[in-house]
Amino acid sequence: MNRTSSFCMVAILAAGLCFAQQKTDPGLGPSLASAKNWTPVALRLFPEMSDKVRFTLATSWIPGEQNKGSMRYRLTAQRQIPPGVIAPADEGTDWLLRNASRCTFFVQLYDADGFLLRSIPIHFDFVVDDSTPGKTQLVTALNANSASQLSADEYRLFVHGGSWQPAWEPCALGEVK
């Protein structure tokens, strides 16, 4: 073996040892950082109406110092429509979602045993149909896209076998503008 070959071999072995010794926390791997799409939940918000609102949640976790990271979330609320039906934006959907937006919402996070880990207040923004310029824009969905401080341990308890549920403080149907 010549001198160049020996040097290359030592460099390759040293690089391999450096990479092999990097420490990673197996609990902070892709399972926490990757987006998780949760099973949607449909609820009847107003007892006097048969319409349901379908809530869809996606979450991921962002690390922070000393395991005090944040859970990112995207929560969408839409009028539940029967499968296979394509419903354009309409005044009924607009009215339902504008009324729903007046309620106070929370996302409740549970561990695998059904114990409440967190109740996070939600602030929705309107998603509007802007396909018809000059007309009043109709609300087609409510959307919240934010983050809440949550430790890696809490997020692990939630994401590994836990569940979620939207909750709200009831509000009355009324005239919405």
Protein backbone atom coordinates (compact mmCIF):
# COMPACT_ATOMS: atom_id res chain seq x y z
CA MET A 1 0.00 0.00 0.00
CA ASN A 2 1.45 3.35 -0.95
CA ARG A 3 1.39 6.49 1.13
CA THR A 4 -1.58 8.09 -0.72
CA SER A 5 -3.69 4.96 -0.30
CA SER A 6 -2.89 4.83 3.42
CA PHE A 7 -3.83 8.48 3.85
CA CYS A 8 -7.14 7.98 2.00
CA MET A 9 -7.94 4.90 4.08
CA VAL A 10 -7.28 6.78 7.35
CA ALA A 11 -9.40 9.75 6.17
CA ILE A 12 -12.30 7.46 5.25
CA LEU A 13 -12.13 5.62 8.59
CA ALA A 14 -11.92 8.89 10.55
CA ALA A 15 -14.91 10.35 8.68
CA GLY A 16 -16.87 7.16 9.32
CA LEU A 17 -16.13 7.31 13.04
CA CYS A 18 -17.17 10.98 13.21
CA PHE A 19 -20.51 10.26 11.59
CA ALA A 20 -21.05 7.08 13.60
CA GLN A 21 -20.58 8.98 16.88
CA GLN A 22 -23.18 11.66 16.21
CA LYS A 23 -25.86 11.33 18.85
CA THR A 24 -29.47 11.55 17.86
CA ASP A 25 -32.48 11.25 20.07
CA PRO A 26 -34.63 8.50 18.54
CA GLY A 27 -37.76 10.18 19.93
CA LEU A 28 -37.05 13.39 18.01
CA GLY A 29 -36.73 11.69 14.64
CA PRO A 30 -39.09 12.03 11.74
CA SER A 31 -42.05 10.74 13.73
CA LEU A 32 -42.33 14.01 15.69
CA ALA A 33 -41.11 16.44 13.06
CA SER A 34 -43.19 14.98 10.23
CA ALA A 35 -46.71 16.23 9.69
CA LYS A 36 -49.39 13.94 11.09
CA ASN A 37 -52.86 14.14 9.61
CA TRP A 38 -55.43 13.16 12.20
CA THR A 39 -58.80 11.55 11.56
CA PRO A 40 -61.37 14.29 10.85
CA VAL A 41 -64.19 14.88 13.34
CA ALA A 42 -67.69 16.03 12.34
CA LEU A 43 -69.87 17.73 14.96
CA ARG A 44 -73.24 19.38 15.15
CA LEU A 45 -72.46 22.77 16.66
CA PHE A 46 -76.00 24.12 16.84
CA PRO A 47 -78.80 21.89 18.19
CA GLU A 48 -81.41 23.68 16.06
CA MET A 49 -79.58 22.73 12.83
CA SER A 50 -78.93 19.32 11.31
CA ASP A 51 -75.76 20.56 9.53
CA LYS A 52 -72.43 19.34 10.84
CA VAL A 53 -69.05 21.02 10.72
CA ARG A 54 -66.10 18.81 9.79
CA PHE A 55 -62.83 19.58 11.60
CA THR A 56 -59.52 18.44 10.08
CA LEU A 57 -56.26 18.62 12.07
CA ALA A 58 -52.62 18.27 11.03
CA THR A 59 -49.76 18.60 13.55
CA SER A 60 -45.98 18.40 13.81
CA TRP A 61 -43.44 19.26 16.48
CA ILE A 62 -40.61 21.81 16.30
CA PRO A 63 -37.73 21.34 18.76
CA GLY A 64 -36.64 24.10 21.10
CA GLU A 65 -34.10 24.47 23.87
CA GLN A 66 -34.25 21.94 26.72
CA ASN A 67 -37.00 19.91 25.02
CA LYS A 68 -39.38 22.90 25.16
CA GLY A 69 -40.50 22.95 21.59
CA SER A 70 -43.76 23.80 19.92
CA MET A 71 -46.53 21.85 18.30
CA ARG A 72 -47.45 23.35 14.95
CA TYR A 73 -51.04 22.81 13.94
CA ARG A 74 -53.38 23.50 11.08
CA LEU A 75 -57.07 23.16 11.87
CA THR A 76 -59.73 23.54 9.20
CA ALA A 77 -63.48 23.66 9.74
CA GLN A 78 -65.85 23.12 6.81
CA ARG A 79 -69.50 22.32 6.39
CA GLN A 80 -69.80 18.54 6.11
CA ILE A 81 -71.11 17.56 2.71
CA PRO A 82 -72.24 14.04 1.81
CA PRO A 83 -69.59 11.99 -0.03
CA GLY A 84 -69.60 12.44 -3.78
CA VAL A 85 -71.49 15.74 -3.69
CA ILE A 86 -69.67 18.73 -5.13
CA ALA A 87 -71.10 21.79 -3.43
CA PRO A 88 -70.17 25.25 -4.61
CA ALA A 89 -69.85 28.06 -2.11
CA ASP A 90 -73.34 28.99 -1.03
CA GLU A 91 -75.07 31.29 1.42
CA GLY A 92 -76.00 28.41 3.73
CA THR A 93 -72.37 27.41 4.20
CA ASP A 94 -71.37 31.05 4.63
CA TRP A 95 -74.08 31.58 7.26
CA LEU A 96 -73.18 28.38 9.18
CA LEU A 97 -69.45 29.14 9.27
CA ARG A 98 -69.89 32.82 10.14
CA ASN A 99 -72.07 31.76 13.07
CA ALA A 100 -69.53 29.10 14.08
CA SER A 101 -66.74 31.70 13.98
CA ARG A 102 -68.50 33.61 16.77
CA CYS A 103 -68.02 30.63 19.14
CA THR A 104 -64.88 30.09 21.20
CA PHE A 105 -63.06 26.93 20.05
CA PHE A 106 -60.39 24.74 21.60
CA VAL A 107 -58.38 21.75 20.39
CA GLN A 108 -58.19 19.19 23.15
CA LEU A 109 -55.23 16.81 23.06
CA TYR A 110 -55.50 13.46 24.85
CA ASP A 111 -52.95 10.75 25.63
CA ALA A 112 -53.50 7.06 24.83
CA ASP A 113 -55.39 6.57 28.11
CA GLY A 114 -57.85 9.38 27.35
CA PHE A 115 -56.38 11.88 29.82
CA LEU A 116 -56.42 15.52 28.74
CA LEU A 117 -52.90 16.78 28.00
CA ARG A 118 -53.76 20.25 26.72
CA SER A 119 -56.66 22.43 25.72
CA ILE A 120 -55.48 24.98 23.16
CA PRO A 121 -57.64 28.03 22.30
CA ILE A 122 -58.16 28.39 18.55
CA HIS A 123 -58.50 31.59 16.56
CA PHE A 124 -60.01 30.97 13.12
CA ASP A 125 -59.58 33.05 9.97
CA PHE A 126 -62.12 33.02 7.15
CA VAL A 127 -61.35 31.19 3.92
CA VAL A 128 -63.43 32.86 1.21
CA ASP A 129 -64.46 32.05 -2.33
CA ASP A 130 -63.00 34.85 -4.41
CA SER A 131 -63.85 33.28 -7.77
CA THR A 132 -66.66 35.76 -8.46
CA PRO A 133 -65.19 39.28 -8.40
CA GLY A 134 -67.59 42.05 -7.52
CA LYS A 135 -69.88 39.76 -5.52
CA THR A 136 -69.90 39.36 -1.77
CA GLN A 137 -67.22 36.86 -0.87
CA LEU A 138 -68.72 33.78 0.72
CA VAL A 139 -66.97 31.97 3.57
CA THR A 140 -66.16 28.40 2.50
CA ALA A 141 -64.06 27.32 5.50
CA LEU A 142 -62.47 28.42 8.75
CA ASN A 143 -58.73 27.97 9.14
CA ALA A 144 -56.27 28.19 12.05
CA ASN A 145 -52.56 27.78 11.36
CA SER A 146 -50.40 28.41 14.41
CA ALA A 147 -48.19 26.85 17.09
CA SER A 148 -48.45 26.20 20.81
CA GLN A 149 -45.62 25.46 23.24
CA LEU A 150 -45.54 21.75 24.02
CA SER A 151 -42.65 19.64 25.30
CA ALA A 152 -41.38 16.68 23.30
CA ASP A 153 -42.65 14.34 26.02
CA GLU A 154 -46.17 15.80 25.89
CA TYR A 155 -46.22 15.66 22.10
CA ARG A 156 -45.00 12.03 22.19
CA LEU A 157 -47.85 11.13 24.58
CA PHE A 158 -50.29 12.75 22.17
CA VAL A 159 -48.95 11.50 18.85
CA HIS A 160 -48.25 7.91 19.94
CA GLY A 161 -51.73 6.54 20.56
CA GLY A 162 -53.45 9.72 21.69
CA SER A 163 -56.40 11.51 20.14
CA TRP A 164 -57.89 14.95 19.67
CA GLN A 165 -61.30 16.52 19.85
CA PRO A 166 -62.56 19.99 19.00
CA ALA A 167 -64.42 21.67 21.84
CA TRP A 168 -66.35 24.91 21.94
CA GLU A 169 -68.27 27.18 24.20
CA PRO A 170 -71.79 27.19 22.77
CA CYS A 171 -73.00 30.34 21.10
CA ALA A 172 -76.40 31.22 19.71
CA LEU A 173 -77.28 31.36 16.05
CA GLY A 174 -77.91 34.88 14.93
CA GLU A 175 -77.75 37.45 12.21
CA VAL A 176 -74.25 37.53 10.79
CA LYS A 177 -72.79 40.11 8.46
